[in-house]
Amino acid sequence: MAFELHYAVAMKATKFIVLVGGILGILSFFLPLVSVHRDNYTGKVSAFQIMKGLDTVSVAVDTAAVHTVQDVETRSEAKKDVGALKGIVMAIFAPALLLTLIGGLGVARKRFGRGAAAFSLIFGLIGLGIGAILKSAAEGDAGIGMTLLLLTGVAGVVGGLIGLVKPERFVATATNNGYQAIAA
């Protein structure tokens, strides 16, 4: 009986696990991803700061003097490369955004079915992979934002697995005025 009660509570909490995991991932966009501490230098940088820096670079490229055809080509390539870098930074946080949407829809709909669970598992695994790659690349200089990205992936995987094992569905119950849908 106690196991069933805990299992039922975990099942109903699945959508909240995914939602909170996604929100943590979005929050990590604004927190330091990299935190470097050396003898003569200490610095932290967030993805938000990286995006603002890329915007500054983009403006500098737009205002650079152009004298030759080669300058025009170089400017065009630089703008394309800055745009690609922005896309990469945003792609790092796409799983977190998608997990937030899936969890939010689950809360709004008051259920978390197998479809939502499958997508949560997939995006959780993708987020976990991205976080692990970034954490290993940081070689000990990872900031709190990187840790939150990993937690986002873990939350997506856990929520997805629980939801696949025991999906949360609507059950119609009889009331005095007709039928009322409640989450089972």
N, C-alpha and C. Protein backbone atom coordinates (compact mmCIF):
# COMPACT_ATOMS: atom_id res chain seq x y z
N MET A 1 0.82 -1.19 0.00
CA MET A 1 0.00 0.00 0.00
C MET A 1 0.87 1.26 0.00
N ALA A 2 1.90 1.28 0.84
CA ALA A 2 2.76 2.46 0.91
C ALA A 2 3.50 2.67 -0.40
N PHE A 3 3.95 1.58 -1.04
CA PHE A 3 4.64 1.69 -2.32
C PHE A 3 3.70 2.27 -3.38
N GLU A 4 2.47 1.80 -3.40
CA GLU A 4 1.50 2.30 -4.37
C GLU A 4 1.23 3.78 -4.17
N LEU A 5 1.16 4.22 -2.92
CA LEU A 5 0.92 5.63 -2.62
C LEU A 5 2.08 6.48 -3.10
N HIS A 6 3.32 6.05 -2.82
CA HIS A 6 4.49 6.81 -3.26
C HIS A 6 4.57 6.82 -4.79
N TYR A 7 4.24 5.68 -5.40
CA TYR A 7 4.28 5.57 -6.85
C TYR A 7 3.24 6.50 -7.47
N ALA A 8 2.05 6.56 -6.87
CA ALA A 8 1.00 7.45 -7.39
C ALA A 8 1.40 8.90 -7.26
N VAL A 9 2.03 9.26 -6.15
CA VAL A 9 2.49 10.64 -5.96
C VAL A 9 3.57 10.98 -6.97
N ALA A 10 4.51 10.05 -7.20
CA ALA A 10 5.57 10.29 -8.18
C ALA A 10 4.98 10.44 -9.57
N MET A 11 3.97 9.61 -9.88
CA MET A 11 3.36 9.68 -11.20
C MET A 11 2.70 11.05 -11.40
N LYS A 12 1.98 11.53 -10.41
CA LYS A 12 1.33 12.83 -10.55
C LYS A 12 2.34 13.97 -10.56
N ALA A 13 3.49 13.75 -9.98
CA ALA A 13 4.52 14.79 -9.94
C ALA A 13 5.37 14.83 -11.20
N THR A 14 5.19 13.86 -12.09
CA THR A 14 6.03 13.75 -13.28
C THR A 14 6.04 15.03 -14.10
N LYS A 15 4.88 15.58 -14.36
CA LYS A 15 4.81 16.80 -15.17
C LYS A 15 5.51 17.96 -14.48
N PHE A 16 5.50 17.99 -13.14
CA PHE A 16 6.18 19.04 -12.41
C PHE A 16 7.69 18.85 -12.43
N ILE A 17 8.13 17.60 -12.41
CA ILE A 17 9.57 17.31 -12.52
C ILE A 17 10.09 17.83 -13.86
N VAL A 18 9.37 17.56 -14.92
CA VAL A 18 9.78 18.01 -16.26
C VAL A 18 9.72 19.53 -16.35
N LEU A 19 8.66 20.12 -15.82
CA LEU A 19 8.52 21.58 -15.86
C LEU A 19 9.64 22.28 -15.09
N VAL A 20 9.90 21.83 -13.88
CA VAL A 20 10.96 22.45 -13.07
C VAL A 20 12.33 22.23 -13.72
N GLY A 21 12.55 21.05 -14.27
CA GLY A 21 13.81 20.80 -14.98
C GLY A 21 14.00 21.76 -16.13
N GLY A 22 12.95 21.97 -16.91
CA GLY A 22 13.03 22.92 -18.03
C GLY A 22 13.29 24.33 -17.57
N ILE A 23 12.62 24.73 -16.50
CA ILE A 23 12.81 26.09 -15.96
C ILE A 23 14.24 26.26 -15.47
N LEU A 24 14.81 25.24 -14.84
CA LEU A 24 16.21 25.31 -14.41
C LEU A 24 17.13 25.49 -15.61
N GLY A 25 16.81 24.81 -16.71
CA GLY A 25 17.62 24.96 -17.92
C GLY A 25 17.56 26.36 -18.50
N ILE A 26 16.36 26.94 -18.49
CA ILE A 26 16.22 28.32 -18.97
C ILE A 26 16.96 29.28 -18.04
N LEU A 27 16.87 29.04 -16.75
CA LEU A 27 17.59 29.87 -15.77
C LEU A 27 19.10 29.79 -15.98
N SER A 28 19.58 28.62 -16.39
CA SER A 28 21.02 28.45 -16.60
C SER A 28 21.54 29.33 -17.73
N PHE A 29 20.66 29.78 -18.62
CA PHE A 29 21.06 30.69 -19.69
C PHE A 29 21.64 31.99 -19.12
N PHE A 30 21.14 32.39 -17.96
CA PHE A 30 21.55 33.65 -17.35
C PHE A 30 22.62 33.49 -16.27
N LEU A 31 22.92 32.27 -15.90
CA LEU A 31 23.93 32.00 -14.87
C LEU A 31 25.25 31.63 -15.53
N PRO A 32 26.35 31.77 -14.79
CA PRO A 32 27.66 31.47 -15.39
C PRO A 32 27.78 30.03 -15.87
N LEU A 33 28.04 29.87 -17.16
CA LEU A 33 28.32 28.55 -17.71
C LEU A 33 29.76 28.15 -17.44
N VAL A 34 30.63 29.13 -17.54
CA VAL A 34 32.06 28.91 -17.33
C VAL A 34 32.53 29.86 -16.24
N SER A 35 33.29 29.32 -15.32
CA SER A 35 33.84 30.10 -14.23
C SER A 35 35.32 29.74 -14.11
N VAL A 36 36.18 30.64 -14.55
CA VAL A 36 37.62 30.38 -14.59
C VAL A 36 38.28 31.07 -13.40
N HIS A 37 39.06 30.29 -12.65
CA HIS A 37 39.82 30.83 -11.52
C HIS A 37 41.28 30.39 -11.68
N ARG A 38 42.13 31.34 -12.02
CA ARG A 38 43.56 31.09 -12.16
C ARG A 38 44.29 32.04 -11.21
N ASP A 39 45.59 31.89 -11.12
CA ASP A 39 46.38 32.72 -10.22
C ASP A 39 46.22 34.21 -10.49
N ASN A 40 46.24 34.57 -11.76
CA ASN A 40 46.19 35.99 -12.10
C ASN A 40 44.89 36.41 -12.78
N TYR A 41 43.90 35.51 -12.86
CA TYR A 41 42.66 35.86 -13.56
C TYR A 41 41.49 35.08 -12.97
N THR A 42 40.39 35.79 -12.83
CA THR A 42 39.12 35.17 -12.45
C THR A 42 38.05 35.75 -13.35
N GLY A 43 37.25 34.88 -13.95
CA GLY A 43 36.19 35.37 -14.82
C GLY A 43 35.05 34.38 -14.93
N LYS A 44 33.87 34.92 -15.17
CA LYS A 44 32.67 34.11 -15.35
C LYS A 44 31.94 34.63 -16.58
N VAL A 45 31.32 33.72 -17.31
CA VAL A 45 30.55 34.13 -18.48
C VAL A 45 29.31 33.25 -18.59
N SER A 46 28.19 33.90 -18.89
CA SER A 46 26.93 33.19 -19.09
C SER A 46 26.60 33.17 -20.58
N ALA A 47 25.65 32.34 -20.95
CA ALA A 47 25.21 32.29 -22.34
C ALA A 47 24.58 33.62 -22.76
N PHE A 48 23.90 34.26 -21.82
CA PHE A 48 23.32 35.57 -22.10
C PHE A 48 24.41 36.58 -22.45
N GLN A 49 25.51 36.56 -21.70
CA GLN A 49 26.62 37.46 -21.99
C GLN A 49 27.27 37.12 -23.33
N ILE A 50 27.34 35.84 -23.65
CA ILE A 50 27.89 35.43 -24.94
C ILE A 50 27.02 35.97 -26.07
N MET A 51 25.70 35.86 -25.92
CA MET A 51 24.79 36.37 -26.95
C MET A 51 24.92 37.89 -27.10
N LYS A 52 25.02 38.60 -25.98
CA LYS A 52 25.20 40.05 -26.06
C LYS A 52 26.52 40.40 -26.72
N GLY A 53 27.55 39.63 -26.43
CA GLY A 53 28.85 39.85 -27.07
C GLY A 53 28.79 39.59 -28.57
N LEU A 54 28.07 38.57 -28.96
CA LEU A 54 27.91 38.29 -30.39
C LEU A 54 27.10 39.39 -31.08
N ASP A 55 26.14 39.97 -30.36
CA ASP A 55 25.40 41.11 -30.92
C ASP A 55 26.34 42.29 -31.14
N THR A 56 27.24 42.52 -30.20
CA THR A 56 28.21 43.61 -30.32
C THR A 56 29.13 43.36 -31.51
N VAL A 57 29.57 42.13 -31.68
CA VAL A 57 30.42 41.77 -32.81
C VAL A 57 29.66 41.98 -34.12
N SER A 58 28.39 41.59 -34.13
CA SER A 58 27.58 41.75 -35.33
C SER A 58 27.45 43.22 -35.72
N VAL A 59 27.24 44.09 -34.74
CA VAL A 59 27.16 45.53 -35.01
C VAL A 59 28.50 46.05 -35.53
N ALA A 60 29.60 45.58 -34.93
CA ALA A 60 30.93 46.01 -35.38
C ALA A 60 31.19 45.56 -36.82
N VAL A 61 30.75 44.38 -37.17
CA VAL A 61 30.92 43.90 -38.55
C VAL A 61 30.09 44.75 -39.50
N ASP A 62 28.87 45.11 -39.09
CA ASP A 62 28.00 45.93 -39.94
C ASP A 62 28.58 47.32 -40.18
N THR A 63 29.26 47.87 -39.18
CA THR A 63 29.78 49.24 -39.30
C THR A 63 31.22 49.31 -39.79
N ALA A 64 31.84 48.17 -40.03
CA ALA A 64 33.23 48.16 -40.51
C ALA A 64 33.30 48.76 -41.91
N ALA A 65 34.39 49.44 -42.17
CA ALA A 65 34.60 50.07 -43.47
C ALA A 65 34.83 49.00 -44.54
N VAL A 66 34.24 49.22 -45.69
CA VAL A 66 34.37 48.30 -46.81
C VAL A 66 34.99 49.07 -47.97
N HIS A 67 36.15 48.58 -48.44
CA HIS A 67 36.85 49.28 -49.52
C HIS A 67 36.98 48.43 -50.78
N THR A 68 36.99 47.12 -50.61
CA THR A 68 37.19 46.26 -51.78
C THR A 68 36.11 45.17 -51.81
N VAL A 69 36.09 44.46 -52.91
CA VAL A 69 35.17 43.34 -53.05
C VAL A 69 35.50 42.27 -52.01
N GLN A 70 36.77 42.09 -51.72
CA GLN A 70 37.19 41.12 -50.71
C GLN A 70 36.66 41.53 -49.34
N ASP A 71 36.62 42.80 -49.02
CA ASP A 71 36.07 43.28 -47.75
C ASP A 71 34.58 42.95 -47.65
N VAL A 72 33.86 43.08 -48.76
CA VAL A 72 32.43 42.75 -48.79
C VAL A 72 32.24 41.26 -48.52
N GLU A 73 33.06 40.43 -49.16
CA GLU A 73 32.97 38.98 -48.95
C GLU A 73 33.32 38.61 -47.51
N THR A 74 34.34 39.25 -46.97
CA THR A 74 34.75 38.98 -45.59
C THR A 74 33.64 39.37 -44.63
N ARG A 75 33.02 40.53 -44.87
CA ARG A 75 31.92 40.98 -44.02
C ARG A 75 30.76 39.98 -44.08
N SER A 76 30.45 39.53 -45.28
CA SER A 76 29.35 38.59 -45.46
C SER A 76 29.63 37.27 -44.71
N GLU A 77 30.85 36.78 -44.83
CA GLU A 77 31.23 35.55 -44.13
C GLU A 77 31.20 35.74 -42.62
N ALA A 78 31.68 36.88 -42.16
CA ALA A 78 31.69 37.15 -40.72
C ALA A 78 30.27 37.21 -40.17
N LYS A 79 29.36 37.87 -40.90
CA LYS A 79 27.96 37.94 -40.45
C LYS A 79 27.33 36.56 -40.40
N LYS A 80 27.65 35.74 -41.41
CA LYS A 80 27.13 34.37 -41.44
C LYS A 80 27.68 33.55 -40.27
N ASP A 81 28.96 33.71 -39.97
CA ASP A 81 29.58 32.97 -38.87
C ASP A 81 29.05 33.41 -37.51
N VAL A 82 28.84 34.70 -37.33
CA VAL A 82 28.27 35.20 -36.07
C VAL A 82 26.85 34.67 -35.89
N GLY A 83 26.08 34.65 -36.97
CA GLY A 83 24.73 34.09 -36.92
C GLY A 83 24.75 32.61 -36.56
N ALA A 84 25.72 31.88 -37.11
CA ALA A 84 25.84 30.45 -36.80
C ALA A 84 26.20 30.24 -35.33
N LEU A 85 27.08 31.07 -34.80
CA LEU A 85 27.44 30.97 -33.38
C LEU A 85 26.24 31.24 -32.49
N LYS A 86 25.44 32.23 -32.84
CA LYS A 86 24.22 32.51 -32.06
C LYS A 86 23.29 31.31 -32.09
N GLY A 87 23.17 30.69 -33.25
CA GLY A 87 22.33 29.51 -33.38
C GLY A 87 22.81 28.35 -32.52
N ILE A 88 24.11 28.17 -32.45
CA ILE A 88 24.68 27.11 -31.63
C ILE A 88 24.39 27.37 -30.16
N VAL A 89 24.60 28.60 -29.72
CA VAL A 89 24.33 28.94 -28.30
C VAL A 89 22.85 28.72 -27.98
N MET A 90 21.98 29.12 -28.87
CA MET A 90 20.54 28.92 -28.62
C MET A 90 20.17 27.44 -28.66
N ALA A 91 20.80 26.67 -29.53
CA ALA A 91 20.50 25.24 -29.64
C ALA A 91 20.86 24.49 -28.35
N ILE A 92 21.84 24.98 -27.63
CA ILE A 92 22.22 24.36 -26.36
C ILE A 92 21.04 24.39 -25.39
N PHE A 93 20.24 25.43 -25.47
CA PHE A 93 19.14 25.60 -24.52
C PHE A 93 17.78 25.18 -25.09
N ALA A 94 17.75 24.69 -26.32
CA ALA A 94 16.49 24.24 -26.92
C ALA A 94 15.84 23.10 -26.14
N PRO A 95 16.59 22.08 -25.69
CA PRO A 95 15.94 21.02 -24.91
C PRO A 95 15.28 21.55 -23.63
N ALA A 96 15.91 22.52 -22.98
CA ALA A 96 15.32 23.10 -21.76
C ALA A 96 14.02 23.81 -22.08
N LEU A 97 14.00 24.55 -23.16
CA LEU A 97 12.77 25.25 -23.57
C LEU A 97 11.67 24.25 -23.90
N LEU A 98 12.02 23.20 -24.63
CA LEU A 98 11.02 22.20 -25.00
C LEU A 98 10.51 21.43 -23.79
N LEU A 99 11.39 21.13 -22.83
CA LEU A 99 10.95 20.46 -21.60
C LEU A 99 10.02 21.37 -20.80
N THR A 100 10.31 22.67 -20.78
CA THR A 100 9.42 23.61 -20.10
C THR A 100 8.05 23.61 -20.75
N LEU A 101 8.01 23.62 -22.07
CA LEU A 101 6.73 23.60 -22.78
C LEU A 101 5.96 22.30 -22.53
N ILE A 102 6.65 21.18 -22.57
CA ILE A 102 6.00 19.89 -22.34
C ILE A 102 5.46 19.81 -20.91
N GLY A 103 6.28 20.20 -19.95
CA GLY A 103 5.84 20.19 -18.55
C GLY A 103 4.72 21.16 -18.30
N GLY A 104 4.80 22.35 -18.90
CA GLY A 104 3.75 23.35 -18.74
C GLY A 104 2.43 22.88 -19.34
N LEU A 105 2.50 22.25 -20.51
CA LEU A 105 1.28 21.70 -21.11
C LEU A 105 0.70 20.58 -20.26
N GLY A 106 1.58 19.78 -19.67
CA GLY A 106 1.11 18.72 -18.79
C GLY A 106 0.39 19.26 -17.57
N VAL A 107 0.92 20.32 -17.00
CA VAL A 107 0.28 20.96 -15.84
C VAL A 107 -1.05 21.58 -16.27
N ALA A 108 -1.06 22.26 -17.41
CA ALA A 108 -2.29 22.91 -17.88
C ALA A 108 -3.37 21.89 -18.22
N ARG A 109 -2.98 20.78 -18.82
CA ARG A 109 -3.94 19.75 -19.22
C ARG A 109 -4.28 18.79 -18.08
N LYS A 110 -3.53 18.87 -17.00
CA LYS A 110 -3.71 18.01 -15.82
C LYS A 110 -3.51 16.53 -16.14
N ARG A 111 -2.59 16.26 -17.07
CA ARG A 111 -2.21 14.89 -17.36
C ARG A 111 -0.86 14.88 -18.07
N PHE A 112 -0.23 13.75 -18.02
CA PHE A 112 1.08 13.59 -18.62
C PHE A 112 1.12 12.19 -19.23
N GLY A 113 0.73 12.08 -20.48
CA GLY A 113 0.62 10.79 -21.15
C GLY A 113 1.93 10.28 -21.70
N ARG A 114 1.84 9.17 -22.40
CA ARG A 114 3.04 8.53 -22.95
C ARG A 114 3.72 9.39 -24.02
N GLY A 115 2.94 10.12 -24.79
CA GLY A 115 3.53 10.98 -25.81
C GLY A 115 4.41 12.06 -25.19
N ALA A 116 3.88 12.74 -24.18
CA ALA A 116 4.65 13.76 -23.48
C ALA A 116 5.86 13.14 -22.80
N ALA A 117 5.67 11.95 -22.24
CA ALA A 117 6.78 11.27 -21.56
C ALA A 117 7.88 10.89 -22.55
N ALA A 118 7.48 10.42 -23.73
CA ALA A 118 8.47 10.03 -24.74
C ALA A 118 9.28 11.25 -25.19
N PHE A 119 8.59 12.35 -25.45
CA PHE A 119 9.32 13.57 -25.84
C PHE A 119 10.19 14.09 -24.71
N SER A 120 9.72 13.98 -23.48
CA SER A 120 10.53 14.40 -22.33
C SER A 120 11.79 13.56 -22.24
N LEU A 121 11.65 12.27 -22.43
CA LEU A 121 12.81 11.38 -22.39
C LEU A 121 13.80 11.74 -23.49
N ILE A 122 13.30 11.95 -24.70
CA ILE A 122 14.18 12.28 -25.83
C ILE A 122 14.90 13.61 -25.58
N PHE A 123 14.14 14.65 -25.22
CA PHE A 123 14.77 15.95 -25.00
C PHE A 123 15.64 15.94 -23.76
N GLY A 124 15.28 15.14 -22.77
CA GLY A 124 16.13 14.99 -21.58
C GLY A 124 17.46 14.36 -21.94
N LEU A 125 17.43 13.32 -22.77
CA LEU A 125 18.68 12.67 -23.19
C LEU A 125 19.53 13.61 -24.03
N ILE A 126 18.89 14.36 -24.92
CA ILE A 126 19.63 15.34 -25.72
C ILE A 126 20.26 16.39 -24.82
N GLY A 127 19.47 16.93 -23.88
CA GLY A 127 19.99 17.93 -22.95
C GLY A 127 21.10 17.38 -22.08
N LEU A 128 20.95 16.15 -21.62
CA LEU A 128 21.97 15.51 -20.81
C LEU A 128 23.26 15.34 -21.61
N GLY A 129 23.12 14.95 -22.87
CA GLY A 129 24.29 14.80 -23.74
C GLY A 129 25.00 16.12 -23.97
N ILE A 130 24.22 17.16 -24.26
CA ILE A 130 24.81 18.49 -24.47
C ILE A 130 25.51 18.95 -23.20
N GLY A 131 24.84 18.81 -22.07
CA GLY A 131 25.44 19.22 -20.79
C GLY A 131 26.71 18.46 -20.48
N ALA A 132 26.71 17.15 -20.74
CA ALA A 132 27.90 16.33 -20.46
C ALA A 132 29.07 16.73 -21.36
N ILE A 133 28.78 16.98 -22.64
CA ILE A 133 29.84 17.40 -23.56
C ILE A 133 30.42 18.74 -23.12
N LEU A 134 29.56 19.69 -22.78
CA LEU A 134 30.04 21.00 -22.34
C LEU A 134 30.82 20.91 -21.03
N LYS A 135 30.33 20.09 -20.10
CA LYS A 135 30.99 19.94 -18.80
C LYS A 135 32.37 19.32 -18.98
N SER A 136 32.50 18.33 -19.86
CA SER A 136 33.81 17.72 -20.08
C SER A 136 34.73 18.67 -20.83
N ALA A 137 34.18 19.50 -21.71
CA ALA A 137 35.01 20.47 -22.43
C ALA A 137 35.49 21.58 -21.51
N ALA A 138 34.72 21.89 -20.47
CA ALA A 138 35.11 22.96 -19.54
C ALA A 138 36.27 22.55 -18.65
N GLU A 139 36.51 21.27 -18.51
CA GLU A 139 37.64 20.75 -17.74
C GLU A 139 37.79 21.40 -16.37
N GLY A 140 36.78 21.35 -15.57
CA GLY A 140 36.85 21.89 -14.22
C GLY A 140 36.51 23.35 -14.10
N ASP A 141 36.30 24.03 -15.21
CA ASP A 141 35.95 25.44 -15.17
C ASP A 141 34.46 25.66 -15.40
N ALA A 142 33.66 24.62 -15.21
CA ALA A 142 32.22 24.74 -15.41
C ALA A 142 31.60 25.56 -14.30
N GLY A 143 30.64 26.38 -14.67
CA GLY A 143 29.92 27.20 -13.70
C GLY A 143 28.62 26.53 -13.29
N ILE A 144 27.87 27.21 -12.46
CA ILE A 144 26.60 26.69 -11.96
C ILE A 144 25.60 26.48 -13.09
N GLY A 145 25.67 27.29 -14.13
CA GLY A 145 24.77 27.14 -15.27
C GLY A 145 24.95 25.80 -15.95
N MET A 146 26.17 25.33 -16.03
CA MET A 146 26.46 24.03 -16.64
C MET A 146 25.86 22.91 -15.80
N THR A 147 25.96 23.03 -14.49
CA THR A 147 25.37 22.03 -13.59
C THR A 147 23.85 22.01 -13.74
N LEU A 148 23.25 23.19 -13.85
CA LEU A 148 21.79 23.24 -14.04
C LEU A 148 21.37 22.64 -15.37
N LEU A 149 22.20 22.79 -16.40
CA LEU A 149 21.90 22.14 -17.68
C LEU A 149 21.88 20.62 -17.53
N LEU A 150 22.82 20.09 -16.76
CA LEU A 150 22.83 18.66 -16.51
C LEU A 150 21.60 18.23 -15.73
N LEU A 151 21.20 19.02 -14.73
CA LEU A 151 19.99 18.71 -13.97
C LEU A 151 18.75 18.75 -14.84
N THR A 152 18.73 19.66 -15.80
CA THR A 152 17.62 19.73 -16.75
C THR A 152 17.50 18.42 -17.52
N GLY A 153 18.62 17.93 -18.00
CA GLY A 153 18.61 16.66 -18.73
C GLY A 153 18.17 15.50 -17.85
N VAL A 154 18.66 15.46 -16.62
CA VAL A 154 18.27 14.40 -15.69
C VAL A 154 16.77 14.46 -15.41
N ALA A 155 16.25 15.66 -15.19
CA ALA A 155 14.81 15.81 -14.92
C ALA A 155 13.98 15.34 -16.11
N GLY A 156 14.40 15.65 -17.32
CA GLY A 156 13.69 15.19 -18.51
C GLY A 156 13.71 13.68 -18.63
N VAL A 157 14.87 13.08 -18.36
CA VAL A 157 14.98 11.62 -18.44
C VAL A 157 14.14 10.95 -17.37
N VAL A 158 14.25 11.42 -16.12
CA VAL A 158 13.47 10.81 -15.03
C VAL A 158 11.98 10.98 -15.28
N GLY A 159 11.56 12.19 -15.62
CA GLY A 159 10.14 12.43 -15.90
C GLY A 159 9.65 11.60 -17.07
N GLY A 160 10.47 11.48 -18.10
CA GLY A 160 10.09 10.69 -19.26
C GLY A 160 9.96 9.21 -18.93
N LEU A 161 10.89 8.69 -18.17
CA LEU A 161 10.83 7.27 -17.80
C LEU A 161 9.63 6.95 -16.93
N ILE A 162 9.40 7.80 -15.93
CA ILE A 162 8.23 7.58 -15.06
C ILE A 162 6.94 7.67 -15.87
N GLY A 163 6.87 8.66 -16.73
CA GLY A 163 5.68 8.84 -17.55
C GLY A 163 5.45 7.71 -18.54
N LEU A 164 6.51 7.10 -19.04
CA LEU A 164 6.35 5.96 -19.95
C LEU A 164 5.90 4.71 -19.21
N VAL A 165 6.42 4.52 -18.00
CA VAL A 165 6.05 3.35 -17.21
C VAL A 165 4.59 3.45 -16.75
N LYS A 166 4.21 4.61 -16.25
CA LYS A 166 2.86 4.79 -15.73
C LYS A 166 2.35 6.17 -16.13
N PRO A 167 1.75 6.29 -17.34
CA PRO A 167 1.27 7.60 -17.79
C PRO A 167 0.08 8.07 -16.95
N GLU A 168 -0.05 9.36 -16.87
CA GLU A 168 -1.14 9.99 -16.13
C GLU A 168 -2.23 10.35 -17.14
N ARG A 169 -3.43 9.83 -16.94
CA ARG A 169 -4.51 10.03 -17.90
C ARG A 169 -5.72 10.65 -17.23
N PHE A 170 -6.65 11.13 -18.06
CA PHE A 170 -7.93 11.63 -17.56
C PHE A 170 -8.86 10.46 -17.26
N VAL A 171 -9.61 10.60 -16.20
CA VAL A 171 -10.65 9.63 -15.87
C VAL A 171 -11.92 10.42 -15.60
N ALA A 172 -12.99 10.04 -16.26
CA ALA A 172 -14.26 10.74 -16.06
C ALA A 172 -14.95 10.16 -14.82
N THR A 173 -15.43 11.03 -13.94
CA THR A 173 -16.16 10.59 -12.75
C THR A 173 -17.54 11.22 -12.79
N ALA A 174 -18.48 10.51 -12.24
CA ALA A 174 -19.85 11.00 -12.21
C ALA A 174 -20.01 12.02 -11.08
N THR A 175 -20.71 13.10 -11.39
CA THR A 175 -21.05 14.11 -10.38
C THR A 175 -22.55 14.34 -10.44
N ASN A 176 -23.03 15.17 -9.57
CA ASN A 176 -24.46 15.46 -9.56
C ASN A 176 -24.89 16.14 -10.86
N ASN A 177 -24.03 16.94 -11.45
CA ASN A 177 -24.39 17.72 -12.64
C ASN A 177 -23.91 17.08 -13.94
N GLY A 178 -23.40 15.89 -13.90
CA GLY A 178 -22.90 15.26 -15.11
C GLY A 178 -21.57 14.60 -14.84
N TYR A 179 -20.63 14.77 -15.81
CA TYR A 179 -19.33 14.16 -15.67
C TYR A 179 -18.28 15.23 -15.45
N GLN A 180 -17.28 14.86 -14.66
CA GLN A 180 -16.18 15.76 -14.40
C GLN A 180 -14.90 14.96 -14.65
N ALA A 181 -13.96 15.54 -15.40
CA ALA A 181 -12.72 14.85 -15.69
C ALA A 181 -11.70 15.15 -14.59
N ILE A 182 -11.08 14.12 -14.08
CA ILE A 182 -10.02 14.30 -13.10
C ILE A 182 -8.83 13.48 -13.55
N ALA A 183 -7.66 13.87 -13.11
CA ALA A 183 -6.45 13.13 -13.46
C ALA A 183 -6.39 11.86 -12.62
N ALA A 184 -6.11 10.75 -13.27
CA ALA A 184 -6.01 9.47 -12.54
C ALA A 184 -4.63 9.28 -12.01
